[in-house]
Amino acid sequence: MTVLAPHRADAPKQRLERLYGECRDDVYGYLASLLGDRSLAEDLTALAFERAFRRRRLFNPRRGSERAWLFGIARNAALDELRRRRHSTALVGDVPTDAWDGAEETEGVLRRVTVQAALAGLTPRERELIALKFHAGLSNSDIARVLGVSESNAGTLLHRTITKLREACDEQE
């Protein structure tokens, strides 16, 4: 994995470009699923990378991966924006409907509708866990670092949330 700690004058820019290429789509997907607003997710994705560049000297590889560090920055940017807008309920479970553009088989569409309905029944914290695991692709240890909990706690929370999601999907079928 790349490291943002500077060692040459042009190296920070190159490392950030590499991190951007590796993570931009995942950061955007995470923020879009968290906020339910694609335009705001685009803005906050850019803001997260701007903050990462400005704070690149603060990255400590002993505290976790660059990816987890970046998702922590993205999460904080989203929470800052929600506080600024005073819309703490803006964390939503529904994926924007235009995320499913294209002709799909009926079974696939029904499966997605079932999952969307099940996600809507989760708490904002549970939806965030799902987004960090499946949209961001973070490991349990990275999720723990982003949320500020122990790795064991992150694993337990994730297991309970996935079980709850499965049960909700089974009830709807």
N, C-alpha and C. Protein backbone atom coordinates (compact mmCIF):
# COMPACT_ATOMS: atom_id res chain seq x y z
N MET A 1 0.85 -1.18 0.00
CA MET A 1 0.00 0.00 0.00
C MET A 1 0.89 1.23 0.00
N THR A 2 0.42 2.30 -0.55
CA THR A 2 1.20 3.52 -0.65
C THR A 2 1.28 4.23 0.70
N VAL A 3 2.27 5.07 0.85
CA VAL A 3 2.46 5.83 2.08
C VAL A 3 2.50 7.31 1.71
N LEU A 4 1.81 8.14 2.49
CA LEU A 4 1.75 9.56 2.19
C LEU A 4 2.86 10.37 2.85
N ALA A 5 3.63 9.79 3.75
CA ALA A 5 4.69 10.54 4.42
C ALA A 5 5.68 11.06 3.39
N PRO A 6 6.00 12.35 3.43
CA PRO A 6 6.86 12.93 2.39
C PRO A 6 8.31 12.48 2.51
N HIS A 7 8.97 12.26 1.38
CA HIS A 7 10.40 11.99 1.37
C HIS A 7 11.08 12.67 0.19
N ARG A 8 10.33 13.16 -0.78
CA ARG A 8 10.83 13.95 -1.90
C ARG A 8 9.85 15.06 -2.16
N ALA A 9 10.29 16.09 -2.82
CA ALA A 9 9.43 17.25 -3.07
C ALA A 9 8.20 16.90 -3.89
N ASP A 10 8.33 16.04 -4.90
CA ASP A 10 7.18 15.70 -5.76
C ASP A 10 6.47 14.43 -5.31
N ALA A 11 7.00 13.72 -4.34
CA ALA A 11 6.43 12.44 -3.92
C ALA A 11 5.03 12.55 -3.34
N PRO A 12 4.71 13.54 -2.48
CA PRO A 12 3.35 13.60 -1.92
C PRO A 12 2.27 13.68 -2.99
N LYS A 13 2.52 14.46 -4.02
CA LYS A 13 1.54 14.59 -5.10
C LYS A 13 1.36 13.25 -5.81
N GLN A 14 2.45 12.56 -6.10
CA GLN A 14 2.37 11.26 -6.78
C GLN A 14 1.66 10.22 -5.91
N ARG A 15 1.96 10.22 -4.61
CA ARG A 15 1.32 9.26 -3.72
C ARG A 15 -0.18 9.54 -3.61
N LEU A 16 -0.55 10.82 -3.54
CA LEU A 16 -1.96 11.16 -3.47
C LEU A 16 -2.67 10.78 -4.76
N GLU A 17 -2.03 11.00 -5.89
CA GLU A 17 -2.62 10.60 -7.17
C GLU A 17 -2.86 9.09 -7.20
N ARG A 18 -1.91 8.32 -6.70
CA ARG A 18 -2.06 6.87 -6.66
C ARG A 18 -3.21 6.47 -5.72
N LEU A 19 -3.25 7.09 -4.54
CA LEU A 19 -4.33 6.81 -3.59
C LEU A 19 -5.68 7.19 -4.19
N TYR A 20 -5.72 8.32 -4.87
CA TYR A 20 -6.95 8.77 -5.52
C TYR A 20 -7.42 7.74 -6.55
N GLY A 21 -6.50 7.26 -7.38
CA GLY A 21 -6.85 6.26 -8.39
C GLY A 21 -7.34 4.96 -7.78
N GLU A 22 -6.78 4.58 -6.65
CA GLU A 22 -7.15 3.33 -6.00
C GLU A 22 -8.48 3.43 -5.24
N CYS A 23 -8.82 4.61 -4.73
CA CYS A 23 -9.93 4.70 -3.78
C CYS A 23 -11.08 5.62 -4.16
N ARG A 24 -10.94 6.45 -5.19
CA ARG A 24 -11.96 7.47 -5.44
C ARG A 24 -13.36 6.90 -5.64
N ASP A 25 -13.48 5.83 -6.43
CA ASP A 25 -14.80 5.27 -6.68
C ASP A 25 -15.41 4.68 -5.42
N ASP A 26 -14.57 4.05 -4.59
CA ASP A 26 -15.06 3.47 -3.34
C ASP A 26 -15.46 4.55 -2.35
N VAL A 27 -14.69 5.63 -2.26
CA VAL A 27 -15.04 6.73 -1.35
C VAL A 27 -16.36 7.34 -1.82
N TYR A 28 -16.49 7.58 -3.11
CA TYR A 28 -17.73 8.14 -3.65
C TYR A 28 -18.91 7.21 -3.37
N GLY A 29 -18.75 5.91 -3.63
CA GLY A 29 -19.83 4.96 -3.38
C GLY A 29 -20.24 4.92 -1.92
N TYR A 30 -19.24 4.96 -1.05
CA TYR A 30 -19.52 4.97 0.39
C TYR A 30 -20.31 6.21 0.76
N LEU A 31 -19.86 7.38 0.32
CA LEU A 31 -20.54 8.63 0.66
C LEU A 31 -21.93 8.70 0.03
N ALA A 32 -22.07 8.23 -1.20
CA ALA A 32 -23.39 8.24 -1.85
C ALA A 32 -24.37 7.35 -1.11
N SER A 33 -23.91 6.18 -0.66
CA SER A 33 -24.81 5.28 0.06
C SER A 33 -25.11 5.83 1.45
N LEU A 34 -24.16 6.51 2.05
CA LEU A 34 -24.34 7.07 3.38
C LEU A 34 -25.30 8.25 3.37
N LEU A 35 -25.18 9.10 2.35
CA LEU A 35 -25.92 10.35 2.31
C LEU A 35 -27.16 10.31 1.42
N GLY A 36 -27.18 9.41 0.44
CA GLY A 36 -28.31 9.35 -0.48
C GLY A 36 -28.37 10.54 -1.43
N ASP A 37 -27.27 11.21 -1.63
CA ASP A 37 -27.22 12.40 -2.47
C ASP A 37 -25.93 12.33 -3.30
N ARG A 38 -26.07 12.04 -4.58
CA ARG A 38 -24.90 11.85 -5.44
C ARG A 38 -24.07 13.12 -5.61
N SER A 39 -24.73 14.24 -5.75
CA SER A 39 -24.03 15.50 -5.93
C SER A 39 -23.21 15.85 -4.69
N LEU A 40 -23.82 15.70 -3.53
CA LEU A 40 -23.11 15.96 -2.28
C LEU A 40 -21.98 14.95 -2.10
N ALA A 41 -22.19 13.71 -2.50
CA ALA A 41 -21.14 12.70 -2.41
C ALA A 41 -19.94 13.08 -3.27
N GLU A 42 -20.19 13.63 -4.46
CA GLU A 42 -19.10 14.09 -5.32
C GLU A 42 -18.30 15.20 -4.63
N ASP A 43 -19.03 16.16 -4.08
CA ASP A 43 -18.36 17.28 -3.40
C ASP A 43 -17.54 16.80 -2.22
N LEU A 44 -18.10 15.90 -1.43
CA LEU A 44 -17.41 15.43 -0.24
C LEU A 44 -16.26 14.49 -0.58
N THR A 45 -16.36 13.78 -1.70
CA THR A 45 -15.23 12.95 -2.15
C THR A 45 -14.04 13.86 -2.45
N ALA A 46 -14.29 14.94 -3.17
CA ALA A 46 -13.22 15.89 -3.47
C ALA A 46 -12.67 16.51 -2.18
N LEU A 47 -13.56 16.86 -1.26
CA LEU A 47 -13.14 17.44 0.00
C LEU A 47 -12.28 16.46 0.81
N ALA A 48 -12.66 15.20 0.81
CA ALA A 48 -11.89 14.18 1.55
C ALA A 48 -10.47 14.08 1.01
N PHE A 49 -10.33 14.08 -0.30
CA PHE A 49 -8.99 14.00 -0.87
C PHE A 49 -8.20 15.30 -0.64
N GLU A 50 -8.88 16.42 -0.64
CA GLU A 50 -8.21 17.68 -0.33
C GLU A 50 -7.69 17.66 1.12
N ARG A 51 -8.54 17.21 2.03
CA ARG A 51 -8.12 17.11 3.44
C ARG A 51 -6.98 16.10 3.59
N ALA A 52 -7.05 15.00 2.88
CA ALA A 52 -5.99 13.99 2.95
C ALA A 52 -4.66 14.60 2.49
N PHE A 53 -4.71 15.38 1.44
CA PHE A 53 -3.48 15.99 0.96
C PHE A 53 -2.93 16.99 1.98
N ARG A 54 -3.80 17.82 2.54
CA ARG A 54 -3.36 18.80 3.51
C ARG A 54 -2.83 18.14 4.78
N ARG A 55 -3.37 17.00 5.14
CA ARG A 55 -3.00 16.32 6.39
C ARG A 55 -2.09 15.11 6.17
N ARG A 56 -1.49 15.04 5.01
CA ARG A 56 -0.70 13.86 4.65
C ARG A 56 0.41 13.56 5.65
N ARG A 57 0.94 14.58 6.29
CA ARG A 57 2.02 14.36 7.26
C ARG A 57 1.51 13.72 8.55
N LEU A 58 0.21 13.75 8.77
CA LEU A 58 -0.38 13.16 9.97
C LEU A 58 -0.62 11.65 9.84
N PHE A 59 -0.55 11.15 8.60
CA PHE A 59 -0.78 9.71 8.41
C PHE A 59 0.31 8.92 9.11
N ASN A 60 -0.13 7.93 9.89
CA ASN A 60 0.79 7.07 10.62
C ASN A 60 0.48 5.62 10.24
N PRO A 61 1.34 4.95 9.48
CA PRO A 61 1.04 3.58 9.05
C PRO A 61 0.91 2.59 10.20
N ARG A 62 1.44 2.94 11.38
CA ARG A 62 1.28 2.04 12.53
C ARG A 62 -0.14 2.05 13.06
N ARG A 63 -0.93 3.07 12.72
CA ARG A 63 -2.30 3.17 13.21
C ARG A 63 -3.31 2.57 12.23
N GLY A 64 -2.87 2.11 11.08
CA GLY A 64 -3.77 1.50 10.11
C GLY A 64 -3.38 1.82 8.69
N SER A 65 -4.18 1.30 7.78
CA SER A 65 -3.89 1.48 6.36
C SER A 65 -4.26 2.89 5.90
N GLU A 66 -3.67 3.29 4.79
CA GLU A 66 -4.03 4.57 4.18
C GLU A 66 -5.51 4.59 3.82
N ARG A 67 -6.00 3.46 3.36
CA ARG A 67 -7.41 3.34 2.96
C ARG A 67 -8.33 3.65 4.13
N ALA A 68 -8.05 3.04 5.29
CA ALA A 68 -8.88 3.30 6.48
C ALA A 68 -8.77 4.76 6.90
N TRP A 69 -7.55 5.32 6.84
CA TRP A 69 -7.33 6.72 7.18
C TRP A 69 -8.17 7.62 6.27
N LEU A 70 -8.16 7.32 4.97
CA LEU A 70 -8.92 8.11 4.01
C LEU A 70 -10.42 8.00 4.26
N PHE A 71 -10.92 6.80 4.55
CA PHE A 71 -12.35 6.64 4.82
C PHE A 71 -12.74 7.33 6.12
N GLY A 72 -11.84 7.39 7.08
CA GLY A 72 -12.11 8.17 8.29
C GLY A 72 -12.26 9.64 7.97
N ILE A 73 -11.41 10.14 7.10
CA ILE A 73 -11.50 11.54 6.66
C ILE A 73 -12.82 11.77 5.92
N ALA A 74 -13.19 10.84 5.03
CA ALA A 74 -14.45 10.98 4.27
C ALA A 74 -15.65 10.95 5.21
N ARG A 75 -15.62 10.06 6.18
CA ARG A 75 -16.72 9.96 7.16
C ARG A 75 -16.84 11.26 7.93
N ASN A 76 -15.71 11.79 8.39
CA ASN A 76 -15.74 13.05 9.14
C ASN A 76 -16.23 14.20 8.28
N ALA A 77 -15.88 14.21 7.01
CA ALA A 77 -16.37 15.26 6.11
C ALA A 77 -17.89 15.17 5.98
N ALA A 78 -18.41 13.95 5.87
CA ALA A 78 -19.87 13.76 5.77
C ALA A 78 -20.56 14.21 7.05
N LEU A 79 -20.00 13.82 8.19
CA LEU A 79 -20.61 14.22 9.47
C LEU A 79 -20.54 15.73 9.66
N ASP A 80 -19.43 16.35 9.25
CA ASP A 80 -19.32 17.81 9.33
C ASP A 80 -20.40 18.48 8.49
N GLU A 81 -20.60 17.98 7.28
CA GLU A 81 -21.60 18.56 6.38
C GLU A 81 -23.00 18.38 6.96
N LEU A 82 -23.27 17.21 7.50
CA LEU A 82 -24.60 16.97 8.08
C LEU A 82 -24.83 17.88 9.28
N ARG A 83 -23.82 18.07 10.09
CA ARG A 83 -23.95 18.99 11.23
C ARG A 83 -24.18 20.41 10.73
N ARG A 84 -23.44 20.77 9.70
CA ARG A 84 -23.58 22.11 9.14
C ARG A 84 -25.00 22.33 8.63
N ARG A 85 -25.55 21.34 8.02
CA ARG A 85 -26.91 21.45 7.48
C ARG A 85 -27.98 21.15 8.52
N ARG A 86 -27.54 20.66 9.68
CA ARG A 86 -28.46 20.27 10.76
C ARG A 86 -29.48 19.25 10.29
N HIS A 87 -29.02 18.32 9.47
CA HIS A 87 -29.87 17.25 8.98
C HIS A 87 -29.28 15.92 9.41
N SER A 88 -29.21 15.68 10.68
CA SER A 88 -28.58 14.45 11.16
C SER A 88 -29.35 13.21 10.70
N THR A 89 -30.57 13.39 10.23
CA THR A 89 -31.33 12.25 9.74
C THR A 89 -31.08 12.00 8.26
N ALA A 90 -30.12 12.70 7.67
CA ALA A 90 -29.87 12.55 6.24
C ALA A 90 -29.19 11.24 5.87
N LEU A 91 -28.71 10.48 6.87
CA LEU A 91 -28.14 9.18 6.56
C LEU A 91 -29.30 8.27 6.17
N VAL A 92 -29.26 7.77 4.96
CA VAL A 92 -30.38 7.00 4.45
C VAL A 92 -29.94 5.62 4.04
N GLY A 93 -30.91 4.73 3.95
CA GLY A 93 -30.61 3.36 3.54
C GLY A 93 -30.90 3.13 2.08
N ASP A 94 -31.68 4.00 1.47
CA ASP A 94 -32.02 3.78 0.07
C ASP A 94 -30.89 4.20 -0.83
N VAL A 95 -30.55 3.36 -1.74
CA VAL A 95 -29.59 3.70 -2.77
C VAL A 95 -30.36 4.53 -3.79
N PRO A 96 -29.79 5.62 -4.30
CA PRO A 96 -30.52 6.43 -5.27
C PRO A 96 -31.04 5.56 -6.42
N THR A 97 -32.28 5.82 -6.83
CA THR A 97 -32.89 4.96 -7.83
C THR A 97 -32.14 4.95 -9.14
N ASP A 98 -31.44 6.03 -9.48
CA ASP A 98 -30.70 6.03 -10.74
C ASP A 98 -29.44 5.17 -10.67
N ALA A 99 -29.13 4.63 -9.48
CA ALA A 99 -27.98 3.72 -9.36
C ALA A 99 -28.26 2.39 -10.06
N TRP A 100 -29.51 2.11 -10.38
CA TRP A 100 -29.88 0.83 -10.98
C TRP A 100 -30.30 1.00 -12.44
N ASP A 101 -29.75 1.99 -13.13
CA ASP A 101 -30.08 2.19 -14.54
C ASP A 101 -29.74 0.95 -15.36
N GLY A 102 -30.47 0.75 -16.44
CA GLY A 102 -30.19 -0.35 -17.34
C GLY A 102 -31.24 -1.43 -17.25
N ALA A 103 -31.28 -2.25 -18.28
CA ALA A 103 -32.25 -3.34 -18.32
C ALA A 103 -31.73 -4.49 -17.47
N GLU A 104 -32.49 -4.89 -16.49
CA GLU A 104 -32.12 -5.98 -15.57
C GLU A 104 -33.20 -7.04 -15.61
N GLU A 105 -32.79 -8.22 -15.27
CA GLU A 105 -33.76 -9.30 -15.17
C GLU A 105 -34.66 -9.05 -13.97
N THR A 106 -35.89 -9.53 -14.05
CA THR A 106 -36.87 -9.32 -13.00
C THR A 106 -36.39 -9.85 -11.66
N GLU A 107 -35.76 -10.98 -11.65
CA GLU A 107 -35.28 -11.57 -10.39
C GLU A 107 -34.23 -10.66 -9.73
N GLY A 108 -33.34 -10.13 -10.52
CA GLY A 108 -32.32 -9.22 -9.98
C GLY A 108 -32.92 -7.95 -9.42
N VAL A 109 -33.92 -7.42 -10.12
CA VAL A 109 -34.60 -6.21 -9.67
C VAL A 109 -35.32 -6.49 -8.36
N LEU A 110 -36.02 -7.61 -8.28
CA LEU A 110 -36.73 -7.97 -7.05
C LEU A 110 -35.76 -8.15 -5.88
N ARG A 111 -34.62 -8.74 -6.14
CA ARG A 111 -33.61 -8.93 -5.10
C ARG A 111 -33.12 -7.58 -4.58
N ARG A 112 -32.86 -6.64 -5.49
CA ARG A 112 -32.40 -5.32 -5.08
C ARG A 112 -33.46 -4.58 -4.28
N VAL A 113 -34.72 -4.68 -4.72
CA VAL A 113 -35.81 -4.02 -3.99
C VAL A 113 -35.91 -4.60 -2.58
N THR A 114 -35.76 -5.90 -2.47
CA THR A 114 -35.81 -6.56 -1.15
C THR A 114 -34.68 -6.06 -0.26
N VAL A 115 -33.47 -5.98 -0.81
CA VAL A 115 -32.32 -5.51 -0.03
C VAL A 115 -32.50 -4.04 0.35
N GLN A 116 -32.98 -3.21 -0.58
CA GLN A 116 -33.21 -1.80 -0.27
C GLN A 116 -34.21 -1.64 0.87
N ALA A 117 -35.29 -2.41 0.82
CA ALA A 117 -36.29 -2.33 1.88
C ALA A 117 -35.70 -2.79 3.22
N ALA A 118 -34.89 -3.83 3.17
CA ALA A 118 -34.25 -4.32 4.39
C ALA A 118 -33.27 -3.29 4.93
N LEU A 119 -32.50 -2.66 4.06
CA LEU A 119 -31.57 -1.61 4.48
C LEU A 119 -32.30 -0.43 5.13
N ALA A 120 -33.47 -0.10 4.60
CA ALA A 120 -34.24 1.01 5.15
C ALA A 120 -34.68 0.73 6.58
N GLY A 121 -34.77 -0.55 6.94
CA GLY A 121 -35.15 -0.91 8.30
C GLY A 121 -34.00 -0.90 9.29
N LEU A 122 -32.79 -0.67 8.82
CA LEU A 122 -31.63 -0.62 9.71
C LEU A 122 -31.46 0.79 10.28
N THR A 123 -30.76 0.87 11.39
CA THR A 123 -30.43 2.18 11.96
C THR A 123 -29.35 2.83 11.11
N PRO A 124 -29.18 4.14 11.24
CA PRO A 124 -28.10 4.80 10.49
C PRO A 124 -26.73 4.19 10.77
N ARG A 125 -26.45 3.84 12.00
CA ARG A 125 -25.16 3.23 12.36
C ARG A 125 -25.00 1.88 11.66
N GLU A 126 -26.07 1.09 11.62
CA GLU A 126 -26.02 -0.22 10.95
C GLU A 126 -25.81 -0.05 9.45
N ARG A 127 -26.48 0.94 8.84
CA ARG A 127 -26.29 1.19 7.41
C ARG A 127 -24.86 1.64 7.13
N GLU A 128 -24.30 2.40 8.06
CA GLU A 128 -22.92 2.84 7.89
C GLU A 128 -21.96 1.64 7.94
N LEU A 129 -22.20 0.71 8.84
CA LEU A 129 -21.38 -0.51 8.91
C LEU A 129 -21.43 -1.27 7.59
N ILE A 130 -22.62 -1.43 7.03
CA ILE A 130 -22.79 -2.12 5.75
C ILE A 130 -22.04 -1.37 4.65
N ALA A 131 -22.16 -0.04 4.64
CA ALA A 131 -21.48 0.76 3.62
C ALA A 131 -19.96 0.65 3.73
N LEU A 132 -19.44 0.68 4.96
CA LEU A 132 -17.99 0.57 5.14
C LEU A 132 -17.48 -0.80 4.71
N LYS A 133 -18.25 -1.84 4.99
CA LYS A 133 -17.81 -3.20 4.65
C LYS A 133 -17.96 -3.48 3.16
N PHE A 134 -19.12 -3.16 2.60
CA PHE A 134 -19.41 -3.60 1.24
C PHE A 134 -19.22 -2.54 0.16
N HIS A 135 -19.43 -1.28 0.47
CA HIS A 135 -19.16 -0.23 -0.51
C HIS A 135 -17.69 0.18 -0.47
N ALA A 136 -17.18 0.35 0.74
CA ALA A 136 -15.79 0.76 0.89
C ALA A 136 -14.82 -0.41 0.82
N GLY A 137 -15.30 -1.62 1.13
CA GLY A 137 -14.45 -2.79 1.08
C GLY A 137 -13.41 -2.84 2.19
N LEU A 138 -13.71 -2.23 3.33
CA LEU A 138 -12.76 -2.20 4.43
C LEU A 138 -12.78 -3.50 5.23
N SER A 139 -11.64 -3.83 5.79
CA SER A 139 -11.54 -4.97 6.71
C SER A 139 -12.16 -4.57 8.05
N ASN A 140 -12.41 -5.57 8.89
CA ASN A 140 -12.97 -5.27 10.21
C ASN A 140 -12.03 -4.38 11.03
N SER A 141 -10.72 -4.61 10.91
CA SER A 141 -9.79 -3.77 11.67
C SER A 141 -9.82 -2.33 11.15
N ASP A 142 -9.96 -2.15 9.84
CA ASP A 142 -10.06 -0.80 9.29
C ASP A 142 -11.38 -0.14 9.69
N ILE A 143 -12.47 -0.91 9.69
CA ILE A 143 -13.76 -0.38 10.14
C ILE A 143 -13.65 0.08 11.58
N ALA A 144 -12.99 -0.72 12.41
CA ALA A 144 -12.80 -0.36 13.82
C ALA A 144 -12.08 0.97 13.95
N ARG A 145 -11.05 1.18 13.14
CA ARG A 145 -10.29 2.43 13.18
C ARG A 145 -11.15 3.62 12.73
N VAL A 146 -11.95 3.42 11.68
CA VAL A 146 -12.80 4.49 11.19
C VAL A 146 -13.84 4.89 12.23
N LEU A 147 -14.43 3.89 12.90
CA LEU A 147 -15.50 4.15 13.86
C LEU A 147 -15.00 4.44 15.27
N GLY A 148 -13.73 4.16 15.52
CA GLY A 148 -13.19 4.40 16.85
C GLY A 148 -13.62 3.38 17.88
N VAL A 149 -13.77 2.11 17.44
CA VAL A 149 -14.13 1.02 18.34
C VAL A 149 -13.07 -0.06 18.23
N SER A 150 -13.14 -1.06 19.10
CA SER A 150 -12.18 -2.16 19.02
C SER A 150 -12.51 -3.03 17.80
N GLU A 151 -11.52 -3.77 17.34
CA GLU A 151 -11.74 -4.67 16.21
C GLU A 151 -12.78 -5.72 16.55
N SER A 152 -12.72 -6.22 17.77
CA SER A 152 -13.70 -7.22 18.22
C SER A 152 -15.11 -6.64 18.19
N ASN A 153 -15.25 -5.41 18.68
CA ASN A 153 -16.55 -4.75 18.68
C ASN A 153 -17.04 -4.53 17.25
N ALA A 154 -16.15 -4.10 16.37
CA ALA A 154 -16.54 -3.90 14.96
C ALA A 154 -17.04 -5.20 14.35
N GLY A 155 -16.33 -6.30 14.61
CA GLY A 155 -16.75 -7.59 14.08
C GLY A 155 -18.10 -8.02 14.62
N THR A 156 -18.31 -7.82 15.91
CA THR A 156 -19.59 -8.18 16.53
C THR A 156 -20.73 -7.34 15.96
N LEU A 157 -20.50 -6.02 15.87
CA LEU A 157 -21.53 -5.14 15.31
C LEU A 157 -21.86 -5.51 13.87
N LEU A 158 -20.84 -5.79 13.10
CA LEU A 158 -21.04 -6.16 11.71
C LEU A 158 -21.80 -7.47 11.59
N HIS A 159 -21.43 -8.45 12.40
CA HIS A 159 -22.12 -9.75 12.37
C HIS A 159 -23.60 -9.58 12.71
N ARG A 160 -23.88 -8.84 13.76
CA ARG A 160 -25.28 -8.61 14.17
C ARG A 160 -26.06 -7.88 13.08
N THR A 161 -25.42 -6.90 12.47
CA THR A 161 -26.09 -6.12 11.42
C THR A 161 -26.38 -6.98 10.19
N ILE A 162 -25.43 -7.79 9.78
CA ILE A 162 -25.64 -8.67 8.62
C ILE A 162 -26.73 -9.69 8.92
N THR A 163 -26.74 -10.22 10.14
CA THR A 163 -27.79 -11.16 10.54
C THR A 163 -29.16 -10.48 10.47
N LYS A 164 -29.25 -9.27 11.00
CA LYS A 164 -30.50 -8.50 10.97
C LYS A 164 -30.93 -8.23 9.53
N LEU A 165 -29.98 -7.90 8.67
CA LEU A 165 -30.28 -7.63 7.27
C LEU A 165 -30.78 -8.90 6.57
N ARG A 166 -30.13 -10.02 6.81
CA ARG A 166 -30.57 -11.29 6.21
C ARG A 166 -31.99 -11.65 6.66
N GLU A 167 -32.24 -11.50 7.96
CA GLU A 167 -33.57 -11.83 8.48
C GLU A 167 -34.64 -10.94 7.85
N ALA A 168 -34.33 -9.66 7.70
CA ALA A 168 -35.28 -8.74 7.07
C ALA A 168 -35.52 -9.11 5.62
N CYS A 169 -34.49 -9.53 4.92
CA CYS A 169 -34.65 -9.97 3.52
C CYS A 169 -35.49 -11.24 3.45
N ASP A 170 -35.25 -12.18 4.34
CA ASP A 170 -36.02 -13.42 4.36
C ASP A 170 -37.50 -13.16 4.64
N GLU A 171 -37.80 -12.22 5.51
CA GLU A 171 -39.19 -11.89 5.84
C GLU A 171 -39.93 -11.32 4.64
N GLN A 172 -39.22 -10.61 3.77
CA GLN A 172 -39.85 -9.96 2.62
C GLN A 172 -40.05 -10.89 1.44
N GLU A 173 -39.37 -11.99 1.42
CA GLU A 173 -39.48 -12.91 0.26
C GLU A 173 -40.73 -13.72 0.33
